Amino acid sequence: GHYYDESGKCIRCDATAEFVRVYVENAAKWANVYCYTWDTNPYVAWPGEQMKLDSESGLYYYDIPKHFVNVIFNNGSSQTADLTFQAGQYFDLNTGKWYANADTI
């Protein structure tokens, strides 16, 4: 499998990743929201990368390699279960569910 560095380049074969954006609603009011993602290897070390706030939608976002479908959202101590990324949807930390939201994605 590929093992990507922070720029999206595989350190084993120089392949470049295509990215998709994952969104989270921080209804749990975490001070920081991190996205940890992996395929056969992690994209970055735990706890993942800190997500950015989209001021228009109020959702947090992070760009992950397109083929990475496993994600965990966390604040460094609390975390979600292992999740499967859902394109075109956002994850609500309060309800623990994915929701469609075409207006923000």
PDB file of N, CA and C in Angstrom:
ATOM      1  N   GLY A   1       0.821  -1.199   0.000  1.00  0.00           N
ATOM      2  CA  GLY A   1       0.000   0.000   0.000  1.00  0.00           C
ATOM      3  C   GLY A   1       0.855   1.250   0.000  1.00  0.00           C
ATOM      4  N   HIS A   2       0.203   2.339  -0.284  1.00  0.00           N
ATOM      5  CA  HIS A   2       0.885   3.629  -0.273  1.00  0.00           C
ATOM      6  C   HIS A   2       1.002   4.147   1.150  1.00  0.00           C
ATOM      7  N   TYR A   3       2.026   4.933   1.377  1.00  0.00           N
ATOM      8  CA  TYR A   3       2.198   5.622   2.646  1.00  0.00           C
ATOM      9  C   TYR A   3       2.511   7.074   2.309  1.00  0.00           C
ATOM     10  N   TYR A   4       1.502   7.952   2.480  1.00  0.00           N
ATOM     11  CA  TYR A   4       1.605   9.331   2.023  1.00  0.00           C
ATOM     12  C   TYR A   4       2.185  10.251   3.080  1.00  0.00           C
ATOM     13  N   ASP A   5       3.011  11.201   2.621  1.00  0.00           N
ATOM     14  CA  ASP A   5       3.472  12.255   3.521  1.00  0.00           C
ATOM     15  C   ASP A   5       2.429  13.369   3.540  1.00  0.00           C
ATOM     16  N   GLU A   6       2.687  14.445   4.280  1.00  0.00           N
ATOM     17  CA  GLU A   6       1.717  15.523   4.447  1.00  0.00           C
ATOM     18  C   GLU A   6       1.375  16.236   3.139  1.00  0.00           C
ATOM     19  N   SER A   7       2.230  16.147   2.140  1.00  0.00           N
ATOM     20  CA  SER A   7       1.970  16.810   0.858  1.00  0.00           C
ATOM     21  C   SER A   7       1.114  15.949  -0.068  1.00  0.00           C
ATOM     22  N   GLY A   8       0.836  14.694   0.333  1.00  0.00           N
ATOM     23  CA  GLY A   8       0.036  13.798  -0.495  1.00  0.00           C
ATOM     24  C   GLY A   8       0.862  12.951  -1.447  1.00  0.00           C
ATOM     25  N   LYS A   9       2.177  12.876  -1.235  1.00  0.00           N
ATOM     26  CA  LYS A   9       3.056  12.078  -2.087  1.00  0.00           C
ATOM     27  C   LYS A   9       3.454  10.807  -1.340  1.00  0.00           C
ATOM     28  N   CYS A  10       3.346   9.667  -2.034  1.00  0.00           N
ATOM     29  CA  CYS A  10       3.718   8.394  -1.427  1.00  0.00           C
ATOM     30  C   CYS A  10       5.232   8.349  -1.229  1.00  0.00           C
ATOM     31  N   ILE A  11       5.659   8.005   0.001  1.00  0.00           N
ATOM     32  CA  ILE A  11       7.094   7.950   0.271  1.00  0.00           C
ATOM     33  C   ILE A  11       7.728   6.679  -0.305  1.00  0.00           C
ATOM     34  N   ARG A  12       6.905   5.745  -0.759  1.00  0.00           N
ATOM     35  CA  ARG A  12       7.428   4.494  -1.322  1.00  0.00           C
ATOM     36  C   ARG A  12       7.581   4.534  -2.835  1.00  0.00           C
ATOM     37  N   CYS A  13       6.639   5.218  -3.523  1.00  0.00           N
ATOM     38  CA  CYS A  13       6.674   5.141  -4.987  1.00  0.00           C
ATOM     39  C   CYS A  13       6.456   6.487  -5.682  1.00  0.00           C
ATOM     40  N   ASP A  14       6.341   7.569  -4.935  1.00  0.00           N
ATOM     41  CA  ASP A  14       6.135   8.921  -5.465  1.00  0.00           C
ATOM     42  C   ASP A  14       4.780   9.146  -6.114  1.00  0.00           C
ATOM     43  N   ALA A  15       3.824   8.227  -5.930  1.00  0.00           N
ATOM     44  CA  ALA A  15       2.466   8.474  -6.443  1.00  0.00           C
ATOM     45  C   ALA A  15       1.882   9.673  -5.703  1.00  0.00           C
ATOM     46  N   THR A  16       1.019  10.417  -6.372  1.00  0.00           N
ATOM     47  CA  THR A  16       0.382  11.580  -5.762  1.00  0.00           C
ATOM     48  C   THR A  16      -1.087  11.289  -5.532  1.00  0.00           C
ATOM     49  N   ALA A  17      -1.565  11.650  -4.365  1.00  0.00           N
ATOM     50  CA  ALA A  17      -2.954  11.392  -3.996  1.00  0.00           C
ATOM     51  C   ALA A  17      -3.879  12.481  -4.528  1.00  0.00           C
ATOM     52  N   GLU A  18      -5.098  12.082  -4.919  1.00  0.00           N
ATOM     53  CA  GLU A  18      -6.175  13.028  -5.168  1.00  0.00           C
ATOM     54  C   GLU A  18      -6.901  13.192  -3.840  1.00  0.00           C
ATOM     55  N   PHE A  19      -7.427  14.382  -3.583  1.00  0.00           N
ATOM     56  CA  PHE A  19      -8.026  14.649  -2.287  1.00  0.00           C
ATOM     57  C   PHE A  19      -9.525  14.883  -2.370  1.00  0.00           C
ATOM     58  N   VAL A  20     -10.218  14.547  -1.282  1.00  0.00           N
ATOM     59  CA  VAL A  20     -11.629  14.860  -1.094  1.00  0.00           C
ATOM     60  C   VAL A  20     -11.743  15.559   0.252  1.00  0.00           C
ATOM     61  N   ARG A  21     -12.783  16.345   0.414  1.00  0.00           N
ATOM     62  CA  ARG A  21     -12.968  17.108   1.648  1.00  0.00           C
ATOM     63  C   ARG A  21     -13.978  16.411   2.539  1.00  0.00           C
ATOM     64  N   VAL A  22     -13.603  16.207   3.795  1.00  0.00           N
ATOM     65  CA  VAL A  22     -14.481  15.626   4.799  1.00  0.00           C
ATOM     66  C   VAL A  22     -14.908  16.760   5.731  1.00  0.00           C
ATOM     67  N   TYR A  23     -16.204  16.749   6.107  1.00  0.00           N
ATOM     68  CA  TYR A  23     -16.783  17.810   6.936  1.00  0.00           C
ATOM     69  C   TYR A  23     -17.316  17.246   8.248  1.00  0.00           C
ATOM     70  N   VAL A  24     -17.231  18.082   9.306  1.00  0.00           N
ATOM     71  CA  VAL A  24     -17.733  17.713  10.623  1.00  0.00           C
ATOM     72  C   VAL A  24     -18.468  18.905  11.220  1.00  0.00           C
ATOM     73  N   GLU A  25     -19.621  18.618  11.826  1.00  0.00           N
ATOM     74  CA  GLU A  25     -20.297  19.637  12.626  1.00  0.00           C
ATOM     75  C   GLU A  25     -19.867  19.422  14.064  1.00  0.00           C
ATOM     76  N   ASN A  26     -19.290  20.451  14.662  1.00  0.00           N
ATOM     77  CA  ASN A  26     -18.752  20.345  16.018  1.00  0.00           C
ATOM     78  C   ASN A  26     -19.827  20.661  17.048  1.00  0.00           C
ATOM     79  N   ALA A  27     -20.925  19.934  17.001  1.00  0.00           N
ATOM     80  CA  ALA A  27     -22.021  20.129  17.950  1.00  0.00           C
ATOM     81  C   ALA A  27     -21.608  19.738  19.362  1.00  0.00           C
ATOM     82  N   ALA A  28     -20.543  18.964  19.499  1.00  0.00           N
ATOM     83  CA  ALA A  28     -20.044  18.576  20.809  1.00  0.00           C
ATOM     84  C   ALA A  28     -19.230  19.707  21.445  1.00  0.00           C
ATOM     85  N   LYS A  29     -18.968  20.759  20.678  1.00  0.00           N
ATOM     86  CA  LYS A  29     -18.232  21.942  21.161  1.00  0.00           C
ATOM     87  C   LYS A  29     -16.815  21.609  21.633  1.00  0.00           C
ATOM     88  N   TRP A  30     -16.129  20.738  20.886  1.00  0.00           N
ATOM     89  CA  TRP A  30     -14.743  20.439  21.199  1.00  0.00           C
ATOM     90  C   TRP A  30     -13.894  21.677  20.927  1.00  0.00           C
ATOM     91  N   ALA A  31     -12.880  21.923  21.740  1.00  0.00           N
ATOM     92  CA  ALA A  31     -11.976  23.056  21.536  1.00  0.00           C
ATOM     93  C   ALA A  31     -11.172  22.875  20.249  1.00  0.00           C
ATOM     94  N   ASN A  32     -10.771  21.645  19.951  1.00  0.00           N
ATOM     95  CA  ASN A  32     -10.045  21.307  18.728  1.00  0.00           C
ATOM     96  C   ASN A  32     -10.663  20.057  18.136  1.00  0.00           C
ATOM     97  N   VAL A  33     -10.747  20.017  16.814  1.00  0.00           N
ATOM     98  CA  VAL A  33     -11.274  18.837  16.118  1.00  0.00           C
ATOM     99  C   VAL A  33     -10.181  18.328  15.192  1.00  0.00           C
ATOM    100  N   TYR A  34      -9.827  17.062  15.358  1.00  0.00           N
ATOM    101  CA  TYR A  34      -8.806  16.427  14.531  1.00  0.00           C
ATOM    102  C   TYR A  34      -9.435  15.348  13.664  1.00  0.00           C
ATOM    103  N   CYS A  35      -8.837  15.136  12.499  1.00  0.00           N
ATOM    104  CA  CYS A  35      -9.257  14.067  11.600  1.00  0.00           C
ATOM    105  C   CYS A  35      -8.090  13.102  11.434  1.00  0.00           C
ATOM    106  N   TYR A  36      -8.312  11.869  11.841  1.00  0.00           N
ATOM    107  CA  TYR A  36      -7.336  10.802  11.659  1.00  0.00           C
ATOM    108  C   TYR A  36      -7.894   9.884  10.583  1.00  0.00           C
ATOM    109  N   THR A  37      -7.112   9.603   9.554  1.00  0.00           N
ATOM    110  CA  THR A  37      -7.593   8.780   8.445  1.00  0.00           C
ATOM    111  C   THR A  37      -6.528   7.781   8.012  1.00  0.00           C
ATOM    112  N   TRP A  38      -6.982   6.668   7.466  1.00  0.00           N
ATOM    113  CA  TRP A  38      -6.055   5.627   7.045  1.00  0.00           C
ATOM    114  C   TRP A  38      -6.677   4.759   5.964  1.00  0.00           C
ATOM    115  N   ASP A  39      -5.816   4.068   5.243  1.00  0.00           N
ATOM    116  CA  ASP A  39      -6.231   2.943   4.391  1.00  0.00           C
ATOM    117  C   ASP A  39      -5.554   1.737   5.028  1.00  0.00           C
ATOM    118  N   THR A  40      -4.493   1.198   4.453  1.00  0.00           N
ATOM    119  CA  THR A  40      -3.737   0.161   5.156  1.00  0.00           C
ATOM    120  C   THR A  40      -2.716   0.785   6.101  1.00  0.00           C
ATOM    121  N   ASN A  41      -2.400   2.068   5.889  1.00  0.00           N
ATOM    122  CA  ASN A  41      -1.481   2.830   6.730  1.00  0.00           C
ATOM    123  C   ASN A  41      -2.136   4.158   7.091  1.00  0.00           C
ATOM    124  N   PRO A  42      -1.731   4.764   8.202  1.00  0.00           N
ATOM    125  CA  PRO A  42      -2.293   6.077   8.535  1.00  0.00           C
ATOM    126  C   PRO A  42      -1.773   7.142   7.578  1.00  0.00           C
ATOM    127  N   TYR A  43      -2.597   8.169   7.360  1.00  0.00           N
ATOM    128  CA  TYR A  43      -2.167   9.301   6.538  1.00  0.00           C
ATOM    129  C   TYR A  43      -1.174  10.145   7.310  1.00  0.00           C
ATOM    130  N   VAL A  44      -1.481  10.477   8.556  1.00  0.00           N
ATOM    131  CA  VAL A  44      -0.563  11.152   9.476  1.00  0.00           C
ATOM    132  C   VAL A  44      -0.732  10.493  10.842  1.00  0.00           C
ATOM    133  N   ALA A  45       0.223  10.716  11.721  1.00  0.00           N
ATOM    134  CA  ALA A  45       0.194  10.091  13.041  1.00  0.00           C
ATOM    135  C   ALA A  45      -0.983  10.591  13.875  1.00  0.00           C
ATOM    136  N   TRP A  46      -1.356   9.776  14.868  1.00  0.00           N
ATOM    137  CA  TRP A  46      -2.423  10.120  15.802  1.00  0.00           C
ATOM    138  C   TRP A  46      -2.045  11.398  16.540  1.00  0.00           C
ATOM    139  N   PRO A  47      -2.932  12.330  16.743  1.00  0.00           N
ATOM    140  CA  PRO A  47      -4.384  12.256  16.605  1.00  0.00           C
ATOM    141  C   PRO A  47      -4.898  12.679  15.231  1.00  0.00           C
ATOM    142  N   GLY A  48      -4.021  12.802  14.246  1.00  0.00           N
ATOM    143  CA  GLY A  48      -4.413  13.275  12.925  1.00  0.00           C
ATOM    144  C   GLY A  48      -4.118  14.753  12.784  1.00  0.00           C
ATOM    145  N   GLU A  49      -4.732  15.378  11.800  1.00  0.00           N
ATOM    146  CA  GLU A  49      -4.534  16.798  11.545  1.00  0.00           C
ATOM    147  C   GLU A  49      -5.696  17.603  12.104  1.00  0.00           C
ATOM    148  N   GLN A  50      -5.383  18.781  12.622  1.00  0.00           N
ATOM    149  CA  GLN A  50      -6.436  19.654  13.127  1.00  0.00           C
ATOM    150  C   GLN A  50      -7.264  20.168  11.952  1.00  0.00           C
ATOM    151  N   MET A  51      -8.588  20.080  12.078  1.00  0.00           N
ATOM    152  CA  MET A  51      -9.489  20.505  11.019  1.00  0.00           C
ATOM    153  C   MET A  51      -9.664  22.021  11.058  1.00  0.00           C
ATOM    154  N   LYS A  52     -10.006  22.604   9.913  1.00  0.00           N
ATOM    155  CA  LYS A  52     -10.201  24.048   9.793  1.00  0.00           C
ATOM    156  C   LYS A  52     -11.691  24.366   9.794  1.00  0.00           C
ATOM    157  N   LEU A  53     -12.025  25.547  10.299  1.00  0.00           N
ATOM    158  CA  LEU A  53     -13.416  25.981  10.346  1.00  0.00           C
ATOM    159  C   LEU A  53     -13.768  26.746   9.081  1.00  0.00           C
ATOM    160  N   ASP A  54     -14.850  26.335   8.424  1.00  0.00           N
ATOM    161  CA  ASP A  54     -15.415  27.071   7.293  1.00  0.00           C
ATOM    162  C   ASP A  54     -16.393  28.082   7.883  1.00  0.00           C
ATOM    163  N   SER A  55     -16.044  29.351   7.831  1.00  0.00           N
ATOM    164  CA  SER A  55     -16.852  30.375   8.499  1.00  0.00           C
ATOM    165  C   SER A  55     -18.241  30.529   7.882  1.00  0.00           C
ATOM    166  N   GLU A  56     -18.403  30.196   6.604  1.00  0.00           N
ATOM    167  CA  GLU A  56     -19.724  30.310   5.964  1.00  0.00           C
ATOM    168  C   GLU A  56     -20.680  29.214   6.430  1.00  0.00           C
ATOM    169  N   SER A  57     -20.227  27.979   6.433  1.00  0.00           N
ATOM    170  CA  SER A  57     -21.112  26.858   6.781  1.00  0.00           C
ATOM    171  C   SER A  57     -21.105  26.549   8.271  1.00  0.00           C
ATOM    172  N   GLY A  58     -20.033  26.934   8.968  1.00  0.00           N
ATOM    173  CA  GLY A  58     -19.897  26.582  10.374  1.00  0.00           C
ATOM    174  C   GLY A  58     -19.390  25.169  10.587  1.00  0.00           C
ATOM    175  N   LEU A  59     -19.050  24.475   9.491  1.00  0.00           N
ATOM    176  CA  LEU A  59     -18.536  23.109   9.573  1.00  0.00           C
ATOM    177  C   LEU A  59     -17.016  23.117   9.555  1.00  0.00           C
ATOM    178  N   TYR A  60     -16.425  22.135  10.208  1.00  0.00           N
ATOM    179  CA  TYR A  60     -14.984  21.942  10.142  1.00  0.00           C
ATOM    180  C   TYR A  60     -14.685  21.039   8.951  1.00  0.00           C
ATOM    181  N   TYR A  61     -13.520  21.228   8.332  1.00  0.00           N
ATOM    182  CA  TYR A  61     -13.182  20.428   7.154  1.00  0.00           C
ATOM    183  C   TYR A  61     -11.704  20.065   7.152  1.00  0.00           C
ATOM    184  N   TYR A  62     -11.413  19.020   6.384  1.00  0.00           N
ATOM    185  CA  TYR A  62     -10.037  18.580   6.178  1.00  0.00           C
ATOM    186  C   TYR A  62     -10.003  17.796   4.875  1.00  0.00           C
ATOM    187  N   ASP A  63      -8.957  17.974   4.082  1.00  0.00           N
ATOM    188  CA  ASP A  63      -8.804  17.259   2.820  1.00  0.00           C
ATOM    189  C   ASP A  63      -8.003  15.980   3.049  1.00  0.00           C
ATOM    190  N   ILE A  64      -8.608  14.847   2.656  1.00  0.00           N
ATOM    191  CA  ILE A  64      -7.958  13.551   2.822  1.00  0.00           C
ATOM    192  C   ILE A  64      -7.748  12.917   1.450  1.00  0.00           C
ATOM    193  N   PRO A  65      -6.772  12.021   1.314  1.00  0.00           N
ATOM    194  CA  PRO A  65      -6.599  11.319   0.042  1.00  0.00           C
ATOM    195  C   PRO A  65      -7.889  10.604  -0.357  1.00  0.00           C
ATOM    196  N   LYS A  66      -8.218  10.667  -1.624  1.00  0.00           N
ATOM    197  CA  LYS A  66      -9.497  10.179  -2.145  1.00  0.00           C
ATOM    198  C   LYS A  66      -9.789   8.727  -1.788  1.00  0.00           C
ATOM    199  N   HIS A  67      -8.784   7.878  -1.802  1.00  0.00           N
ATOM    200  CA  HIS A  67      -9.032   6.458  -1.539  1.00  0.00           C
ATOM    201  C   HIS A  67      -9.040   6.108  -0.052  1.00  0.00           C
ATOM    202  N   PHE A  68      -8.768   7.054   0.831  1.00  0.00           N
ATOM    203  CA  PHE A  68      -8.835   6.809   2.268  1.00  0.00           C
ATOM    204  C   PHE A  68     -10.303   6.905   2.689  1.00  0.00           C
ATOM    205  N   VAL A  69     -10.863   5.845   3.203  1.00  0.00           N
ATOM    206  CA  VAL A  69     -12.282   5.861   3.583  1.00  0.00           C
ATOM    207  C   VAL A  69     -12.491   5.708   5.087  1.00  0.00           C
ATOM    208  N   ASN A  70     -11.455   5.394   5.825  1.00  0.00           N
ATOM    209  CA  ASN A  70     -11.559   5.207   7.270  1.00  0.00           C
ATOM    210  C   ASN A  70     -11.180   6.502   7.973  1.00  0.00           C
ATOM    211  N   VAL A  71     -12.059   6.983   8.856  1.00  0.00           N
ATOM    212  CA  VAL A  71     -11.777   8.206   9.599  1.00  0.00           C
ATOM    213  C   VAL A  71     -12.201   8.059  11.057  1.00  0.00           C
ATOM    214  N   ILE A  72     -11.497   8.767  11.909  1.00  0.00           N
ATOM    215  CA  ILE A  72     -11.873   8.962  13.305  1.00  0.00           C
ATOM    216  C   ILE A  72     -11.745  10.451  13.568  1.00  0.00           C
ATOM    217  N   PHE A  73     -12.777  11.040  14.150  1.00  0.00           N
ATOM    218  CA  PHE A  73     -12.713  12.429  14.565  1.00  0.00           C
ATOM    219  C   PHE A  73     -12.455  12.425  16.065  1.00  0.00           C
ATOM    220  N   ASN A  74     -11.590  13.325  16.521  1.00  0.00           N
ATOM    221  CA  ASN A  74     -11.237  13.337  17.932  1.00  0.00           C
ATOM    222  C   ASN A  74     -10.807  14.722  18.366  1.00  0.00           C
ATOM    223  N   ASN A  75     -10.678  14.892  19.677  1.00  0.00           N
ATOM    224  CA  ASN A  75     -10.183  16.149  20.224  1.00  0.00           C
ATOM    225  C   ASN A  75      -8.891  15.936  21.001  1.00  0.00           C
ATOM    226  N   GLY A  76      -8.241  14.823  20.760  1.00  0.00           N
ATOM    227  CA  GLY A  76      -7.012  14.487  21.462  1.00  0.00           C
ATOM    228  C   GLY A  76      -7.236  13.544  22.625  1.00  0.00           C
ATOM    229  N   SER A  77      -8.486  13.509  23.143  1.00  0.00           N
ATOM    230  CA  SER A  77      -8.803  12.564  24.222  1.00  0.00           C
ATOM    231  C   SER A  77     -10.099  11.812  23.919  1.00  0.00           C
ATOM    232  N   SER A  78     -11.178  12.514  23.603  1.00  0.00           N
ATOM    233  CA  SER A  78     -12.423  11.856  23.183  1.00  0.00           C
ATOM    234  C   SER A  78     -12.372  11.602  21.684  1.00  0.00           C
ATOM    235  N   GLN A  79     -13.087  10.564  21.239  1.00  0.00           N
ATOM    236  CA  GLN A  79     -13.074  10.257  19.808  1.00  0.00           C
ATOM    237  C   GLN A  79     -14.353   9.553  19.394  1.00  0.00           C
ATOM    238  N   THR A  80     -14.583   9.577  18.089  1.00  0.00           N
ATOM    239  CA  THR A  80     -15.684   8.816  17.515  1.00  0.00           C
ATOM    240  C   THR A  80     -15.243   7.366  17.363  1.00  0.00           C
ATOM    241  N   ALA A  81     -16.172   6.530  16.981  1.00  0.00           N
ATOM    242  CA  ALA A  81     -15.833   5.165  16.579  1.00  0.00           C
ATOM    243  C   ALA A  81     -15.102   5.237  15.240  1.00  0.00           C
ATOM    244  N   ASP A  82     -14.597   4.111  14.766  1.00  0.00           N
ATOM    245  CA  ASP A  82     -14.058   4.042  13.413  1.00  0.00           C
ATOM    246  C   ASP A  82     -15.215   4.277  12.449  1.00  0.00           C
ATOM    247  N   LEU A  83     -15.062   5.235  11.551  1.00  0.00           N
ATOM    248  CA  LEU A  83     -16.126   5.603  10.628  1.00  0.00           C
ATOM    249  C   LEU A  83     -15.695   5.364   9.192  1.00  0.00           C
ATOM    250  N   THR A  84     -16.673   5.237   8.317  1.00  0.00           N
ATOM    251  CA  THR A  84     -16.420   5.160   6.882  1.00  0.00           C
ATOM    252  C   THR A  84     -16.837   6.485   6.269  1.00  0.00           C
ATOM    253  N   PHE A  85     -15.896   7.152   5.613  1.00  0.00           N
ATOM    254  CA  PHE A  85     -16.134   8.454   5.002  1.00  0.00           C
ATOM    255  C   PHE A  85     -17.311   8.392   4.036  1.00  0.00           C
ATOM    256  N   GLN A  86     -18.180   9.390   4.104  1.00  0.00           N
ATOM    257  CA  GLN A  86     -19.349   9.474   3.243  1.00  0.00           C
ATOM    258  C   GLN A  86     -19.242  10.739   2.390  1.00  0.00           C
ATOM    259  N   ALA A  87     -18.903  10.607   1.118  1.00  0.00           N
ATOM    260  CA  ALA A  87     -18.762  11.759   0.222  1.00  0.00           C
ATOM    261  C   ALA A  87     -20.093  12.497   0.118  1.00  0.00           C
ATOM    262  N   GLY A  88     -20.023  13.836   0.112  1.00  0.00           N
ATOM    263  CA  GLY A  88     -21.221  14.648  -0.014  1.00  0.00           C
ATOM    264  C   GLY A  88     -22.019  14.774   1.266  1.00  0.00           C
ATOM    265  N   GLN A  89     -21.450  14.328   2.386  1.00  0.00           N
ATOM    266  CA  GLN A  89     -22.150  14.390   3.663  1.00  0.00           C
ATOM    267  C   GLN A  89     -21.224  14.989   4.724  1.00  0.00           C
ATOM    268  N   TYR A  90     -21.801  15.371   5.855  1.00  0.00           N
ATOM    269  CA  TYR A  90     -20.995  15.798   6.987  1.00  0.00           C
ATOM    270  C   TYR A  90     -21.348  14.935   8.187  1.00  0.00           C
ATOM    271  N   PHE A  91     -20.407  14.829   9.117  1.00  0.00           N
ATOM    272  CA  PHE A  91     -20.609  14.025  10.317  1.00  0.00           C
ATOM    273  C   PHE A  91     -20.924  14.951  11.476  1.00  0.00           C
ATOM    274  N   ASP A  92     -21.969  14.651  12.236  1.00  0.00           N
ATOM    275  CA  ASP A  92     -22.367  15.436  13.403  1.00  0.00           C
ATOM    276  C   ASP A  92     -21.802  14.765  14.650  1.00  0.00           C
ATOM    277  N   LEU A  93     -20.907  15.459  15.354  1.00  0.00           N
ATOM    278  CA  LEU A  93     -20.276  14.883  16.545  1.00  0.00           C
ATOM    279  C   LEU A  93     -21.263  14.637  17.673  1.00  0.00           C
ATOM    280  N   ASN A  94     -22.365  15.375  17.694  1.00  0.00           N
ATOM    281  CA  ASN A  94     -23.346  15.218  18.760  1.00  0.00           C
ATOM    282  C   ASN A  94     -24.221  13.978  18.562  1.00  0.00           C
ATOM    283  N   THR A  95     -24.716  13.789  17.335  1.00  0.00           N
ATOM    284  CA  THR A  95     -25.601  12.648  17.067  1.00  0.00           C
ATOM    285  C   THR A  95     -24.842  11.385  16.667  1.00  0.00           C
ATOM    286  N   GLY A  96     -23.602  11.550  16.188  1.00  0.00           N
ATOM    287  CA  GLY A  96     -22.826  10.400  15.738  1.00  0.00           C
ATOM    288  C   GLY A  96     -23.305   9.838  14.414  1.00  0.00           C
ATOM    289  N   LYS A  97     -23.882  10.712  13.552  1.00  0.00           N
ATOM    290  CA  LYS A  97     -24.410  10.264  12.257  1.00  0.00           C
ATOM    291  C   LYS A  97     -23.918  11.161  11.131  1.00  0.00           C
ATOM    292  N   TRP A  98     -23.943  10.584   9.920  1.00  0.00           N
ATOM    293  CA  TRP A  98     -23.653  11.333   8.697  1.00  0.00           C
ATOM    294  C   TRP A  98     -24.950  11.937   8.173  1.00  0.00           C
ATOM    295  N   TYR A  99     -24.879  13.171   7.667  1.00  0.00           N
ATOM    296  CA  TYR A  99     -26.039  13.853   7.089  1.00  0.00           C
ATOM    297  C   TYR A  99     -25.665  14.448   5.751  1.00  0.00           C
ATOM    298  N   ALA A 100     -26.597  14.375   4.796  1.00  0.00           N
ATOM    299  CA  ALA A 100     -26.405  15.000   3.497  1.00  0.00           C
ATOM    300  C   ALA A 100     -26.602  16.499   3.633  1.00  0.00           C
ATOM    301  N   ASN A 101     -25.756  17.261   2.967  1.00  0.00           N
ATOM    302  CA  ASN A 101     -25.888  18.707   2.991  1.00  0.00           C
ATOM    303  C   ASN A 101     -25.271  19.276   1.732  1.00  0.00           C
ATOM    304  N   ALA A 102     -26.005  19.291   0.665  1.00  0.00           N
ATOM    305  CA  ALA A 102     -25.516  19.752  -0.627  1.00  0.00           C
ATOM    306  C   ALA A 102     -25.195  21.236  -0.628  1.00  0.00           C
ATOM    307  N   ASP A 103     -25.803  22.030   0.277  1.00  0.00           N
ATOM    308  CA  ASP A 103     -25.559  23.461   0.305  1.00  0.00           C
ATOM    309  C   ASP A 103     -24.146  23.820   0.761  1.00  0.00           C
ATOM    310  N   THR A 104     -23.517  22.996   1.563  1.00  0.00           N
ATOM    311  CA  THR A 104     -22.196  23.322   2.087  1.00  0.00           C
ATOM    312  C   THR A 104     -21.095  22.521   1.450  1.00  0.00           C
ATOM    313  N   ILE A 105     -21.414  21.535   0.641  1.00  0.00           N
ATOM    314  CA  ILE A 105     -20.386  20.658   0.100  1.00  0.00           C
ATOM    315  C   ILE A 105     -20.288  20.812  -1.401  1.00  0.00           C
TER     316      ILE A 105
END
